Protein backbone atom coordinates (compact mmCIF):
# COMPACT_ATOMS: atom_id res chain seq x y z
CA UNK A 1 -93.51 -9.56 57.16
CA UNK A 2 -92.56 -11.49 60.75
CA UNK A 3 -93.46 -14.66 59.80
CA UNK A 4 -91.56 -15.00 56.76
CA UNK A 5 -88.63 -13.82 59.16
CA UNK A 6 -88.98 -16.31 61.22
CA UNK A 7 -88.80 -19.21 58.27
CA UNK A 8 -86.34 -18.28 57.00
CA UNK A 9 -84.46 -18.12 60.60
CA UNK A 10 -85.66 -21.55 61.12
CA UNK A 11 -84.77 -22.74 57.21
CA UNK A 12 -81.16 -21.28 58.00
CA UNK A 13 -80.82 -23.46 61.03
CA UNK A 14 -82.04 -26.19 59.60
CA UNK A 15 -79.85 -25.71 56.62
CA UNK A 16 -76.47 -25.38 58.93
CA UNK A 17 -77.25 -28.70 61.37
CA UNK A 18 -78.19 -30.30 57.94
CA UNK A 19 -75.12 -29.48 56.30
CA UNK A 20 -73.19 -30.37 59.58
CA UNK A 21 -74.74 -33.79 59.98
CA UNK A 22 -74.02 -34.74 55.91
CA UNK A 23 -70.41 -33.43 55.86
CA UNK A 24 -69.73 -35.45 59.20
CA UNK A 25 -70.26 -39.08 56.43
CA UNK A 26 -67.53 -37.25 54.38
CA UNK A 27 -65.21 -36.14 56.95
CA UNK A 28 -65.55 -35.98 60.90
CA UNK A 29 -62.70 -33.30 61.21
CA UNK A 30 -64.65 -31.15 59.15
CA UNK A 31 -67.87 -31.55 59.95
CA UNK A 32 -66.16 -30.33 64.07
CA UNK A 33 -65.01 -27.45 62.19
CA UNK A 34 -67.96 -26.31 60.85
CA UNK A 35 -69.87 -27.24 64.20
CA UNK A 36 -66.96 -25.30 66.36
CA UNK A 37 -67.10 -22.13 64.52
CA UNK A 38 -69.47 -19.71 66.43
CA UNK A 39 -72.19 -20.03 63.40
CA UNK A 40 -75.48 -19.92 65.48
CA UNK A 41 -73.62 -17.31 67.93
CA UNK A 42 -73.10 -14.84 65.35
CA UNK A 43 -76.76 -15.29 63.76
CA UNK A 44 -77.99 -14.63 66.63
CA UNK A 45 -76.09 -11.60 67.66
CA UNK A 46 -77.38 -10.61 63.47
CA UNK A 47 -80.80 -11.57 64.58
CA UNK A 48 -81.01 -9.60 67.17
CA UNK A 49 -79.70 -5.76 65.70
CA UNK A 50 -82.38 -7.17 62.89
CA UNK A 51 -85.31 -6.91 65.03
CA UNK A 52 -83.85 -4.15 66.75
CA UNK A 53 -81.74 -5.14 70.18
CA UNK A 54 -79.50 -2.27 71.79
CA UNK A 55 -76.23 -2.44 71.30
CA UNK A 56 -76.17 -3.32 75.42
CA UNK A 57 -78.78 -5.79 75.28
CA UNK A 58 -76.34 -7.46 72.61
CA UNK A 59 -73.13 -7.06 74.17
CA UNK A 60 -75.07 -8.84 77.45
CA UNK A 61 -75.99 -11.79 75.32
CA UNK A 62 -72.29 -12.23 74.08
CA UNK A 63 -70.64 -12.12 77.28
CA UNK A 64 -73.42 -15.14 78.54
CA UNK A 65 -72.21 -17.07 75.19
CA UNK A 66 -68.39 -16.43 76.42
CA UNK A 67 -69.11 -16.91 80.09
CA UNK A 68 -71.32 -20.72 78.98
CA UNK A 69 -67.82 -21.91 76.86
CA UNK A 70 -66.30 -23.54 79.61
CA UNK A 71 -69.31 -25.90 80.59
CA UNK A 72 -69.91 -26.50 77.51
CA UNK A 73 -66.74 -27.87 77.14
CA UNK A 74 -66.88 -29.83 79.76
CA UNK A 75 -69.65 -31.20 78.35
CA UNK A 76 -67.87 -31.74 75.14
CA UNK A 77 -64.95 -33.46 77.46
CA UNK A 78 -67.58 -35.64 79.32
CA UNK A 79 -69.49 -37.00 76.13
CA UNK A 80 -65.67 -38.49 74.83
CA UNK A 81 -64.70 -39.49 77.88
CA UNK A 82 -67.58 -41.69 78.41
CA UNK A 83 -68.15 -42.92 74.54
CA UNK A 84 -64.67 -44.39 74.48
CA UNK A 85 -64.67 -45.89 77.58
CA UNK A 86 -68.22 -47.29 77.90
């Protein structure tokens, strides 16, 4: 049963990535919108809850995600700048 749940998690995660990349062929803005929604974080929280993690553990995870927003923003600014400027 655990293997089936693990495969479901992988399948859903891959489906989200494929959805975003396929959407980018039609609309870069829409693909950006899908990618910016914290789908992965929300799914991780749901899976952690389903796996029996405590509310405290999930809160620590959410705090970590929140703290890493700033480095992520810097990364995307740098990628955008570097791609536009060779």
